[in-house]
Amino acid sequence: MAVEDNADRLEWVCAAASAGYLAWADVIRQLRLTTSEDEAVATYAEPGEEVPEAGWRDIEPFEMLLDEWVEVLSHRDRACGPGDAYPFEIAQQGLQLRDGPSAAYLFQLLVSVGITDNHEDGTTVYKLFEELSAAAAGRYLGDSRTVVIFGSPRQDLPAGFRDAVTHLVALLREGKACGDREGLNQSKDDDLDVVAWRDFPDRRPSKLILFGQCAVGRRWKKKAHELRPKSWCKRNIAGTIAVDPIPAFFVPRALSKKDAEDAGVDQLLLDRCRISSLCSRTLDDQLERRLQDWIETSLRLGLHGDC
């Protein structure tokens, strides 16, 4: 299991605990019950690195593993920025869930460990994440009002693809109309989930536009570079967009440095920590409440993830 997945598990167990606390001593105790020292040493070593035979007998391999996981948690704390966007306090003796934790972070954490039950109002986890991603995109560009969710099934835009594109063109005031390619009427969203833009007072074309795709499942890497905004506009919009939209990729996972570098090539990457830093104490009350309701229900029912 990757170190990021183990860090997720620590956060998840802490959040699900009745006291909102996970003692490091309990983690070490559990590791001793479930993992041999040889396995711990092999897990700690870098891939392909030969583990030296001498000297390891004097080192506690389980403590080394835990130190590595805690370092990942510390990086997440820093990446979320100041304030309470990161909902845990990393103490010498354990991990503590803070009061008034960030719904944005905890929602993404639980989705990442595999909890994907619908919200009680019937909204799927994927659509909830689209709403959270749209909020983050709007916040990043400076105006949450100039953002729409294009992903299918749509609520704020027409259900049909052609009508939705026509409406989007009118909102952006870029391009002329929906395109007329063959098969267009059978499209759902053509991989486009979130559109955000930064307007000027003159409301003319030539502005910063963001086209984003969201990925919730385990196969997120395959989706990381599917959306190509320039090609999307050529396929679906008649007329020209003054400035090609920048691509963005939204994922609820806290990515490793390597995964973040790969996913962030030629596009804006917004992972769990970045989304949380943008959305902490900035979400509208309704979305905040719905996310919190989903989190509380998931933890109360003791839903199990697959982390």
C-alpha atoms as a PDB file:
ATOM      1  CA  MET A   1       0.000   0.000   0.000  1.00  0.00           C
ATOM      2  CA  ALA A   2       1.346   3.430  -0.948  1.00  0.00           C
ATOM      3  CA  VAL A   3       2.403   5.771   1.828  1.00  0.00           C
ATOM      4  CA  GLU A   4      -0.370   8.207   0.829  1.00  0.00           C
ATOM      5  CA  ASP A   5      -2.964   5.449   1.280  1.00  0.00           C
ATOM      6  CA  ASN A   6      -1.580   4.637   4.723  1.00  0.00           C
ATOM      7  CA  ALA A   7      -1.737   8.318   5.654  1.00  0.00           C
ATOM      8  CA  ASP A   8      -5.362   8.354   4.471  1.00  0.00           C
ATOM      9  CA  ARG A   9      -6.075   5.369   6.697  1.00  0.00           C
ATOM     10  CA  LEU A  10      -4.650   7.159   9.758  1.00  0.00           C
ATOM     11  CA  GLU A  11      -6.856  10.188   9.077  1.00  0.00           C
ATOM     12  CA  TRP A  12      -9.893   8.039   8.409  1.00  0.00           C
ATOM     13  CA  VAL A  13      -9.513   5.997  11.625  1.00  0.00           C
ATOM     14  CA  CYS A  14      -9.024   9.201  13.619  1.00  0.00           C
ATOM     15  CA  ALA A  15     -12.106  10.857  12.106  1.00  0.00           C
ATOM     16  CA  ALA A  16     -14.233   7.755  12.715  1.00  0.00           C
ATOM     17  CA  ALA A  17     -13.122   7.308  16.345  1.00  0.00           C
ATOM     18  CA  SER A  18     -15.721   8.363  18.906  1.00  0.00           C
ATOM     19  CA  ALA A  19     -13.209  10.654  20.602  1.00  0.00           C
ATOM     20  CA  GLY A  20     -11.753  11.875  17.314  1.00  0.00           C
ATOM     21  CA  TYR A  21      -8.315  10.738  18.422  1.00  0.00           C
ATOM     22  CA  LEU A  22      -5.769   8.171  17.245  1.00  0.00           C
ATOM     23  CA  ALA A  23      -2.795   7.357  19.468  1.00  0.00           C
ATOM     24  CA  TRP A  24       0.488   6.580  17.767  1.00  0.00           C
ATOM     25  CA  ALA A  25       1.054   3.820  20.316  1.00  0.00           C
ATOM     26  CA  ASP A  26      -2.099   2.098  19.043  1.00  0.00           C
ATOM     27  CA  VAL A  27      -0.824   2.330  15.477  1.00  0.00           C
ATOM     28  CA  ILE A  28       2.491   0.718  16.462  1.00  0.00           C
ATOM     29  CA  ARG A  29       0.629  -1.976  18.391  1.00  0.00           C
ATOM     30  CA  GLN A  30      -1.546  -2.780  15.389  1.00  0.00           C
ATOM     31  CA  LEU A  31       1.463  -2.892  13.080  1.00  0.00           C
ATOM     32  CA  ARG A  32       3.162  -5.416  15.347  1.00  0.00           C
ATOM     33  CA  LEU A  33       0.056  -7.615  15.174  1.00  0.00           C
ATOM     34  CA  THR A  34      -0.404  -7.466  11.412  1.00  0.00           C
ATOM     35  CA  THR A  35       3.043  -6.875   9.898  1.00  0.00           C
ATOM     36  CA  SER A  36       6.335  -8.683  10.302  1.00  0.00           C
ATOM     37  CA  GLU A  37       9.522  -6.718  10.861  1.00  0.00           C
ATOM     38  CA  ASP A  38      10.866  -7.933   7.504  1.00  0.00           C
ATOM     39  CA  GLU A  39       7.725  -6.625   5.783  1.00  0.00           C
ATOM     40  CA  ALA A  40       8.039  -3.309   7.587  1.00  0.00           C
ATOM     41  CA  VAL A  41      11.691  -2.945   6.565  1.00  0.00           C
ATOM     42  CA  ALA A  42      10.870  -3.819   2.953  1.00  0.00           C
ATOM     43  CA  THR A  43       7.994  -1.349   2.913  1.00  0.00           C
ATOM     44  CA  TYR A  44      10.134   1.438   4.338  1.00  0.00           C
ATOM     45  CA  ALA A  45      12.953   0.949   1.804  1.00  0.00           C
ATOM     46  CA  GLU A  46      12.769   2.796  -1.501  1.00  0.00           C
ATOM     47  CA  PRO A  47      11.564   0.696  -4.466  1.00  0.00           C
ATOM     48  CA  GLY A  48      14.523  -1.222  -5.869  1.00  0.00           C
ATOM     49  CA  GLU A  49      16.736  -0.314  -2.919  1.00  0.00           C
ATOM     50  CA  GLU A  50      18.646  -3.174  -1.339  1.00  0.00           C
ATOM     51  CA  VAL A  51      17.994  -3.295   2.386  1.00  0.00           C
ATOM     52  CA  PRO A  52      21.244  -3.726   4.375  1.00  0.00           C
ATOM     53  CA  GLU A  53      21.314  -6.718   6.696  1.00  0.00           C
ATOM     54  CA  ALA A  54      23.530  -5.133   9.357  1.00  0.00           C
ATOM     55  CA  GLY A  55      22.239  -2.439  11.641  1.00  0.00           C
ATOM     56  CA  TRP A  56      18.516  -2.972  11.215  1.00  0.00           C
ATOM     57  CA  ARG A  57      18.266  -5.032  14.399  1.00  0.00           C
ATOM     58  CA  ASP A  58      18.879  -1.853  16.415  1.00  0.00           C
ATOM     59  CA  ILE A  59      16.123   0.123  14.644  1.00  0.00           C
ATOM     60  CA  GLU A  60      12.390  -0.094  15.303  1.00  0.00           C
ATOM     61  CA  PRO A  61      11.021  -0.601  11.752  1.00  0.00           C
ATOM     62  CA  PHE A  62       7.437   0.055  12.795  1.00  0.00           C
ATOM     63  CA  GLU A  63       8.388   3.413  14.239  1.00  0.00           C
ATOM     64  CA  MET A  64      10.205   4.242  10.997  1.00  0.00           C
ATOM     65  CA  LEU A  65       7.062   3.448   9.030  1.00  0.00           C
ATOM     66  CA  LEU A  66       4.964   5.591  11.320  1.00  0.00           C
ATOM     67  CA  ASP A  67       7.447   8.474  11.072  1.00  0.00           C
ATOM     68  CA  GLU A  68       7.175   8.303   7.283  1.00  0.00           C
ATOM     69  CA  TRP A  69       3.375   8.415   7.424  1.00  0.00           C
ATOM     70  CA  VAL A  70       3.368  11.285   9.912  1.00  0.00           C
ATOM     71  CA  GLU A  71       5.690  13.237   7.625  1.00  0.00           C
ATOM     72  CA  VAL A  72       3.102  12.868   4.856  1.00  0.00           C
ATOM     73  CA  LEU A  73       0.424  14.158   7.241  1.00  0.00           C
ATOM     74  CA  SER A  74       2.652  17.111   8.117  1.00  0.00           C
ATOM     75  CA  HIS A  75       3.078  17.920   4.441  1.00  0.00           C
ATOM     76  CA  ARG A  76      -0.710  17.908   4.010  1.00  0.00           C
ATOM     77  CA  ASP A  77      -1.076  20.273   6.952  1.00  0.00           C
ATOM     78  CA  ARG A  78       1.353  22.700   5.324  1.00  0.00           C
ATOM     79  CA  ALA A  79      -0.206  22.277   1.878  1.00  0.00           C
ATOM     80  CA  CYS A  80      -3.648  23.188   3.209  1.00  0.00           C
ATOM     81  CA  GLY A  81      -2.272  26.511   4.416  1.00  0.00           C
ATOM     82  CA  PRO A  82      -2.987  28.415   7.626  1.00  0.00           C
ATOM     83  CA  GLY A  83      -6.293  28.131   9.438  1.00  0.00           C
ATOM     84  CA  ASP A  84      -8.382  24.995   9.787  1.00  0.00           C
ATOM     85  CA  ALA A  85      -8.449  23.721   6.195  1.00  0.00           C
ATOM     86  CA  TYR A  86      -6.514  20.689   7.474  1.00  0.00           C
ATOM     87  CA  PRO A  87      -8.871  19.210  10.077  1.00  0.00           C
ATOM     88  CA  PHE A  88      -6.325  17.314  12.178  1.00  0.00           C
ATOM     89  CA  GLU A  89      -3.795  18.341  14.785  1.00  0.00           C
ATOM     90  CA  ILE A  90      -0.582  16.324  14.634  1.00  0.00           C
ATOM     91  CA  ALA A  91       0.657  15.903  18.199  1.00  0.00           C
ATOM     92  CA  GLN A  92       3.568  14.014  19.718  1.00  0.00           C
ATOM     93  CA  GLN A  93       1.327  11.276  21.061  1.00  0.00           C
ATOM     94  CA  GLY A  94      -1.263  11.007  18.327  1.00  0.00           C
ATOM     95  CA  LEU A  95      -3.611  12.535  15.777  1.00  0.00           C
ATOM     96  CA  GLN A  96      -6.528  14.688  16.982  1.00  0.00           C
ATOM     97  CA  LEU A  97      -9.586  15.770  15.007  1.00  0.00           C
ATOM     98  CA  ARG A  98     -10.048  19.492  15.475  1.00  0.00           C
ATOM     99  CA  ASP A  99     -13.336  21.117  16.434  1.00  0.00           C
ATOM    100  CA  GLY A 100     -15.221  22.550  13.492  1.00  0.00           C
ATOM    101  CA  PRO A 101     -13.242  20.543  10.913  1.00  0.00           C
ATOM    102  CA  SER A 102     -13.162  21.387   7.240  1.00  0.00           C
ATOM    103  CA  ALA A 103     -16.044  19.658   5.478  1.00  0.00           C
ATOM    104  CA  ALA A 104     -14.161  20.029   2.199  1.00  0.00           C
ATOM    105  CA  TYR A 105     -11.181  17.996   3.415  1.00  0.00           C
ATOM    106  CA  LEU A 106     -13.113  15.294   5.253  1.00  0.00           C
ATOM    107  CA  PHE A 107     -15.525  14.778   2.364  1.00  0.00           C
ATOM    108  CA  GLN A 108     -12.612  14.251  -0.022  1.00  0.00           C
ATOM    109  CA  LEU A 109     -10.835  11.967   2.435  1.00  0.00           C
ATOM    110  CA  LEU A 110     -13.817   9.662   2.806  1.00  0.00           C
ATOM    111  CA  VAL A 111     -14.356   9.569  -0.953  1.00  0.00           C
ATOM    112  CA  SER A 112     -10.673   8.702  -1.425  1.00  0.00           C
ATOM    113  CA  VAL A 113     -10.874   5.720   0.913  1.00  0.00           C
ATOM    114  CA  GLY A 114     -13.792   4.378  -1.093  1.00  0.00           C
ATOM    115  CA  ILE A 115     -16.958   5.622   0.625  1.00  0.00           C
ATOM    116  CA  THR A 116     -19.230   6.525  -2.272  1.00  0.00           C
ATOM    117  CA  ASP A 117     -22.791   6.279  -0.963  1.00  0.00           C
ATOM    118  CA  ASN A 118     -25.194   8.877  -2.325  1.00  0.00           C
ATOM    119  CA  HIS A 119     -26.210  11.873  -0.250  1.00  0.00           C
ATOM    120  CA  GLU A 120     -29.548  11.461   1.524  1.00  0.00           C
ATOM    121  CA  ASP A 121     -31.098  13.835  -1.023  1.00  0.00           C
ATOM    122  CA  GLY A 122     -30.098  11.424  -3.790  1.00  0.00           C
ATOM    123  CA  THR A 123     -27.109  13.405  -5.052  1.00  0.00           C
ATOM    124  CA  THR A 124     -24.249  11.137  -6.073  1.00  0.00           C
ATOM    125  CA  VAL A 125     -20.803  11.569  -4.571  1.00  0.00           C
ATOM    126  CA  TYR A 126     -19.503  12.445  -8.024  1.00  0.00           C
ATOM    127  CA  LYS A 127     -21.966  15.339  -8.361  1.00  0.00           C
ATOM    128  CA  LEU A 128     -21.134  16.539  -4.841  1.00  0.00           C
ATOM    129  CA  PHE A 129     -17.463  16.582  -5.793  1.00  0.00           C
ATOM    130  CA  GLU A 130     -18.311  18.536  -8.945  1.00  0.00           C
ATOM    131  CA  GLU A 131     -20.053  21.123  -6.768  1.00  0.00           C
ATOM    132  CA  LEU A 132     -17.030  21.320  -4.464  1.00  0.00           C
ATOM    133  CA  SER A 133     -14.679  21.579  -7.451  1.00  0.00           C
ATOM    134  CA  ALA A 134     -16.792  24.357  -8.948  1.00  0.00           C
ATOM    135  CA  ALA A 135     -16.629  26.240  -5.653  1.00  0.00           C
ATOM    136  CA  ALA A 136     -12.834  25.859  -5.601  1.00  0.00           C
ATOM    137  CA  ALA A 137     -12.507  27.002  -9.217  1.00  0.00           C
ATOM    138  CA  GLY A 138     -14.680  30.046  -8.586  1.00  0.00           C
ATOM    139  CA  ARG A 139     -12.682  30.930  -5.514  1.00  0.00           C
ATOM    140  CA  TYR A 140      -9.365  30.487  -7.326  1.00  0.00           C
ATOM    141  CA  LEU A 141     -10.397  32.840 -10.118  1.00  0.00           C
ATOM    142  CA  GLY A 142     -11.774  35.324  -7.633  1.00  0.00           C
ATOM    143  CA  ASP A 143     -15.514  35.246  -8.305  1.00  0.00           C
ATOM    144  CA  SER A 144     -17.587  32.199  -7.388  1.00  0.00           C
ATOM    145  CA  ARG A 145     -20.525  33.529  -9.427  1.00  0.00           C
ATOM    146  CA  THR A 146     -18.777  33.051 -12.766  1.00  0.00           C
ATOM    147  CA  VAL A 147     -18.678  29.252 -12.636  1.00  0.00           C
ATOM    148  CA  VAL A 148     -21.034  26.539 -13.872  1.00  0.00           C
ATOM    149  CA  ILE A 149     -21.167  22.760 -13.679  1.00  0.00           C
ATOM    150  CA  PHE A 150     -21.324  21.337 -17.186  1.00  0.00           C
ATOM    151  CA  GLY A 151     -20.961  17.683 -16.210  1.00  0.00           C
ATOM    152  CA  SER A 152     -23.899  15.417 -16.984  1.00  0.00           C
ATOM    153  CA  PRO A 153     -26.535  15.029 -15.608  1.00  0.00           C
ATOM    154  CA  ARG A 154     -26.910  18.810 -15.425  1.00  0.00           C
ATOM    155  CA  GLN A 155     -29.018  20.881 -13.044  1.00  0.00           C
ATOM    156  CA  ASP A 156     -28.087  24.505 -13.720  1.00  0.00           C
ATOM    157  CA  LEU A 157     -27.741  24.114 -17.498  1.00  0.00           C
ATOM    158  CA  PRO A 158     -30.075  22.475 -20.046  1.00  0.00           C
ATOM    159  CA  ALA A 159     -29.999  18.669 -19.978  1.00  0.00           C
ATOM    160  CA  GLY A 160     -29.321  18.267 -23.701  1.00  0.00           C
ATOM    161  CA  PHE A 161     -25.749  18.725 -24.881  1.00  0.00           C
ATOM    162  CA  ARG A 162     -26.538  21.109 -27.748  1.00  0.00           C
ATOM    163  CA  ASP A 163     -28.690  23.366 -25.573  1.00  0.00           C
ATOM    164  CA  ALA A 164     -26.119  23.271 -22.790  1.00  0.00           C
ATOM    165  CA  VAL A 165     -23.330  24.388 -25.135  1.00  0.00           C
ATOM    166  CA  THR A 166     -25.538  27.156 -26.531  1.00  0.00           C
ATOM    167  CA  HIS A 167     -26.216  28.351 -22.993  1.00  0.00           C
ATOM    168  CA  LEU A 168     -22.512  28.172 -22.115  1.00  0.00           C
ATOM    169  CA  VAL A 169     -21.598  30.271 -25.164  1.00  0.00           C
ATOM    170  CA  ALA A 170     -24.084  32.916 -24.038  1.00  0.00           C
ATOM    171  CA  LEU A 171     -22.675  32.936 -20.505  1.00  0.00           C
ATOM    172  CA  LEU A 172     -19.087  33.230 -21.686  1.00  0.00           C
ATOM    173  CA  ARG A 173     -19.917  35.675 -24.476  1.00  0.00           C
ATOM    174  CA  GLU A 174     -17.288  33.834 -26.513  1.00  0.00           C
ATOM    175  CA  GLY A 175     -17.810  31.939 -29.759  1.00  0.00           C
ATOM    176  CA  LYS A 176     -21.029  32.191 -31.769  1.00  0.00           C
ATOM    177  CA  ALA A 177     -23.130  29.115 -31.078  1.00  0.00           C
ATOM    178  CA  CYS A 178     -23.049  25.380 -30.580  1.00  0.00           C
ATOM    179  CA  GLY A 179     -21.222  23.494 -33.281  1.00  0.00           C
ATOM    180  CA  ASP A 180     -22.888  21.124 -35.727  1.00  0.00           C
ATOM    181  CA  ARG A 181     -20.673  18.060 -35.850  1.00  0.00           C
ATOM    182  CA  GLU A 182     -22.085  14.592 -36.459  1.00  0.00           C
ATOM    183  CA  GLY A 183     -23.094  12.801 -33.273  1.00  0.00           C
ATOM    184  CA  LEU A 184     -23.144  15.969 -31.199  1.00  0.00           C
ATOM    185  CA  ASN A 185     -26.676  15.326 -29.952  1.00  0.00           C
ATOM    186  CA  GLN A 186     -25.527  12.006 -28.429  1.00  0.00           C
ATOM    187  CA  SER A 187     -22.826  13.650 -26.315  1.00  0.00           C
ATOM    188  CA  LYS A 188     -23.262  13.977 -22.548  1.00  0.00           C
ATOM    189  CA  ASP A 189     -20.488  16.393 -21.542  1.00  0.00           C
ATOM    190  CA  ASP A 190     -17.502  15.297 -23.649  1.00  0.00           C
ATOM    191  CA  ASP A 191     -15.343  15.100 -20.481  1.00  0.00           C
ATOM    192  CA  LEU A 192     -16.065  18.706 -19.435  1.00  0.00           C
ATOM    193  CA  ASP A 193     -17.301  18.989 -15.841  1.00  0.00           C
ATOM    194  CA  VAL A 194     -16.597  22.527 -14.591  1.00  0.00           C
ATOM    195  CA  VAL A 195     -16.284  25.866 -16.375  1.00  0.00           C
ATOM    196  CA  ALA A 196     -15.099  28.997 -14.564  1.00  0.00           C
ATOM    197  CA  TRP A 197     -14.013  32.371 -15.874  1.00  0.00           C
ATOM    198  CA  ARG A 198     -12.811  35.786 -14.718  1.00  0.00           C
ATOM    199  CA  ASP A 199     -14.871  38.608 -16.238  1.00  0.00           C
ATOM    200  CA  PHE A 200     -14.000  42.253 -16.799  1.00  0.00           C
ATOM    201  CA  PRO A 201     -16.466  45.116 -16.221  1.00  0.00           C
ATOM    202  CA  ASP A 202     -16.719  45.635 -19.992  1.00  0.00           C
ATOM    203  CA  ARG A 203     -18.035  42.028 -20.325  1.00  0.00           C
ATOM    204  CA  ARG A 204     -16.230  41.604 -23.641  1.00  0.00           C
ATOM    205  CA  PRO A 205     -14.449  38.505 -24.978  1.00  0.00           C
ATOM    206  CA  SER A 206     -10.760  37.837 -24.270  1.00  0.00           C
ATOM    207  CA  LYS A 207     -10.583  36.676 -20.676  1.00  0.00           C
ATOM    208  CA  LEU A 208      -9.297  33.887 -18.495  1.00  0.00           C
ATOM    209  CA  ILE A 209     -11.441  30.745 -18.811  1.00  0.00           C
ATOM    210  CA  LEU A 210     -10.924  27.435 -17.018  1.00  0.00           C
ATOM    211  CA  PHE A 211     -12.212  24.082 -18.304  1.00  0.00           C
ATOM    212  CA  GLY A 212     -12.047  21.397 -15.636  1.00  0.00           C
ATOM    213  CA  GLN A 213     -12.499  17.651 -15.375  1.00  0.00           C
ATOM    214  CA  CYS A 214     -13.201  15.798 -12.123  1.00  0.00           C
ATOM    215  CA  ALA A 215     -12.046  12.271 -11.244  1.00  0.00           C
ATOM    216  CA  VAL A 216     -13.291  10.483  -8.135  1.00  0.00           C
ATOM    217  CA  GLY A 217     -12.580   6.783  -8.701  1.00  0.00           C
ATOM    218  CA  ARG A 218      -9.494   4.611  -8.435  1.00  0.00           C
ATOM    219  CA  ARG A 219      -8.787   4.972 -12.148  1.00  0.00           C
ATOM    220  CA  TRP A 220      -8.243   8.723 -11.859  1.00  0.00           C
ATOM    221  CA  LYS A 221      -4.828   8.564 -13.539  1.00  0.00           C
ATOM    222  CA  LYS A 222      -6.404   7.491 -16.829  1.00  0.00           C
ATOM    223  CA  LYS A 223      -8.627  10.568 -16.751  1.00  0.00           C
ATOM    224  CA  ALA A 224      -5.905  13.025 -15.816  1.00  0.00           C
ATOM    225  CA  HIS A 225      -5.284  14.277 -19.353  1.00  0.00           C
ATOM    226  CA  GLU A 226      -8.468  13.347 -21.204  1.00  0.00           C
ATOM    227  CA  LEU A 227      -9.845  16.880 -21.394  1.00  0.00           C
ATOM    228  CA  ARG A 228      -8.195  19.123 -23.985  1.00  0.00           C
ATOM    229  CA  PRO A 229     -10.038  22.461 -23.944  1.00  0.00           C
ATOM    230  CA  LYS A 230      -8.809  23.715 -27.309  1.00  0.00           C
ATOM    231  CA  SER A 231      -9.967  20.532 -29.039  1.00  0.00           C
ATOM    232  CA  TRP A 232     -13.216  20.567 -27.053  1.00  0.00           C
ATOM    233  CA  CYS A 233     -14.026  24.056 -28.300  1.00  0.00           C
ATOM    234  CA  LYS A 234     -13.211  23.134 -31.901  1.00  0.00           C
ATOM    235  CA  ARG A 235     -15.512  20.103 -31.705  1.00  0.00           C
ATOM    236  CA  ASN A 236     -18.425  21.749 -29.971  1.00  0.00           C
ATOM    237  CA  ILE A 237     -18.412  25.538 -30.448  1.00  0.00           C
ATOM    238  CA  ALA A 238     -18.895  27.460 -33.657  1.00  0.00           C
ATOM    239  CA  GLY A 239     -16.785  30.586 -33.821  1.00  0.00           C
ATOM    240  CA  THR A 240     -13.624  31.335 -31.916  1.00  0.00           C
ATOM    241  CA  ILE A 241     -12.704  31.629 -28.253  1.00  0.00           C
ATOM    242  CA  ALA A 242     -10.395  34.629 -27.938  1.00  0.00           C
ATOM    243  CA  VAL A 243      -8.072  32.911 -25.460  1.00  0.00           C
ATOM    244  CA  ASP A 244      -7.880  29.122 -25.271  1.00  0.00           C
ATOM    245  CA  PRO A 245      -9.320  27.921 -21.936  1.00  0.00           C
ATOM    246  CA  ILE A 246      -6.765  26.546 -19.517  1.00  0.00           C
ATOM    247  CA  PRO A 247      -7.276  22.892 -18.529  1.00  0.00           C
ATOM    248  CA  ALA A 248      -7.776  21.946 -14.902  1.00  0.00           C
ATOM    249  CA  PHE A 249      -7.962  18.570 -13.186  1.00  0.00           C
ATOM    250  CA  PHE A 250      -9.809  18.072  -9.898  1.00  0.00           C
ATOM    251  CA  VAL A 251      -9.163  15.008  -7.759  1.00  0.00           C
ATOM    252  CA  PRO A 252     -10.130  14.369  -4.101  1.00  0.00           C
ATOM    253  CA  ARG A 253      -6.888  12.556  -3.365  1.00  0.00           C
ATOM    254  CA  ALA A 254      -3.853  13.953  -1.604  1.00  0.00           C
ATOM    255  CA  LEU A 255      -1.306  13.132  -4.273  1.00  0.00           C
ATOM    256  CA  SER A 256       2.295  12.128  -3.896  1.00  0.00           C
ATOM    257  CA  LYS A 257       4.918  14.453  -5.357  1.00  0.00           C
ATOM    258  CA  LYS A 258       5.370  12.132  -8.350  1.00  0.00           C
ATOM    259  CA  ASP A 259       1.635  11.781  -9.041  1.00  0.00           C
ATOM    260  CA  ALA A 260       1.127  15.534  -8.662  1.00  0.00           C
ATOM    261  CA  GLU A 261       3.942  16.240 -11.118  1.00  0.00           C
ATOM    262  CA  ASP A 262       2.444  13.822 -13.663  1.00  0.00           C
ATOM    263  CA  ALA A 263      -1.134  15.062 -13.258  1.00  0.00           C
ATOM    264  CA  GLY A 264      -0.065  18.693 -13.329  1.00  0.00           C
ATOM    265  CA  VAL A 265       1.688  18.606 -16.697  1.00  0.00           C
ATOM    266  CA  ASP A 266       0.192  21.269 -18.994  1.00  0.00           C
ATOM    267  CA  GLN A 267      -2.798  21.830 -16.747  1.00  0.00           C
ATOM    268  CA  LEU A 268      -3.848  23.254 -13.417  1.00  0.00           C
ATOM    269  CA  LEU A 269      -3.992  20.566 -10.740  1.00  0.00           C
ATOM    270  CA  LEU A 270      -6.382  20.896  -7.814  1.00  0.00           C
ATOM    271  CA  ASP A 271      -6.058  17.984  -5.411  1.00  0.00           C
ATOM    272  CA  ARG A 272      -7.483  17.526  -1.915  1.00  0.00           C
ATOM    273  CA  CYS A 273      -5.206  19.995  -0.152  1.00  0.00           C
ATOM    274  CA  ARG A 274      -5.531  22.709  -2.782  1.00  0.00           C
ATOM    275  CA  ILE A 275      -9.306  22.370  -2.930  1.00  0.00           C
ATOM    276  CA  SER A 276      -9.487  22.449   0.862  1.00  0.00           C
ATOM    277  CA  SER A 277      -7.292  25.529   1.094  1.00  0.00           C
ATOM    278  CA  LEU A 278      -9.623  27.343  -1.319  1.00  0.00           C
ATOM    279  CA  CYS A 279     -12.881  26.161   0.239  1.00  0.00           C
ATOM    280  CA  SER A 280     -12.210  26.356   3.974  1.00  0.00           C
ATOM    281  CA  ARG A 281     -14.751  28.799   5.431  1.00  0.00           C
ATOM    282  CA  THR A 282     -15.666  30.036   1.947  1.00  0.00           C
ATOM    283  CA  LEU A 283     -18.340  27.539   0.871  1.00  0.00           C
ATOM    284  CA  ASP A 284     -21.911  28.708   0.709  1.00  0.00           C
ATOM    285  CA  ASP A 285     -23.952  27.522   3.673  1.00  0.00           C
ATOM    286  CA  GLN A 286     -26.049  25.063   1.687  1.00  0.00           C
ATOM    287  CA  LEU A 287     -23.136  23.141   0.174  1.00  0.00           C
ATOM    288  CA  GLU A 288     -21.241  23.189   3.487  1.00  0.00           C
ATOM    289  CA  ARG A 289     -24.263  21.703   5.247  1.00  0.00           C
ATOM    290  CA  ARG A 290     -24.812  19.016   2.627  1.00  0.00           C
ATOM    291  CA  LEU A 291     -21.185  17.951   2.762  1.00  0.00           C
ATOM    292  CA  GLN A 292     -21.260  17.895   6.545  1.00  0.00           C
ATOM    293  CA  ASP A 293     -24.483  15.863   6.562  1.00  0.00           C
ATOM    294  CA  TRP A 294     -22.915  13.326   4.216  1.00  0.00           C
ATOM    295  CA  ILE A 295     -19.779  13.101   6.372  1.00  0.00           C
ATOM    296  CA  GLU A 296     -21.736  12.658   9.597  1.00  0.00           C
ATOM    297  CA  THR A 297     -23.969  10.000   8.052  1.00  0.00           C
ATOM    298  CA  SER A 298     -21.001   8.079   6.635  1.00  0.00           C
ATOM    299  CA  LEU A 299     -19.142   8.119   9.965  1.00  0.00           C
ATOM    300  CA  ARG A 300     -22.257   7.343  12.021  1.00  0.00           C
ATOM    301  CA  LEU A 301     -23.127   4.304   9.911  1.00  0.00           C
ATOM    302  CA  GLY A 302     -19.542   3.119  10.095  1.00  0.00           C
ATOM    303  CA  LEU A 303     -19.256   2.785   6.336  1.00  0.00           C
ATOM    304  CA  HIS A 304     -16.088   1.011   5.308  1.00  0.00           C
ATOM    305  CA  GLY A 305     -13.822   2.156   2.541  1.00  0.00           C
ATOM    306  CA  ASP A 306     -11.393   0.113   0.491  1.00  0.00           C
ATOM    307  CA  CYS A 307      -8.207   1.977   1.390  1.00  0.00           C
END
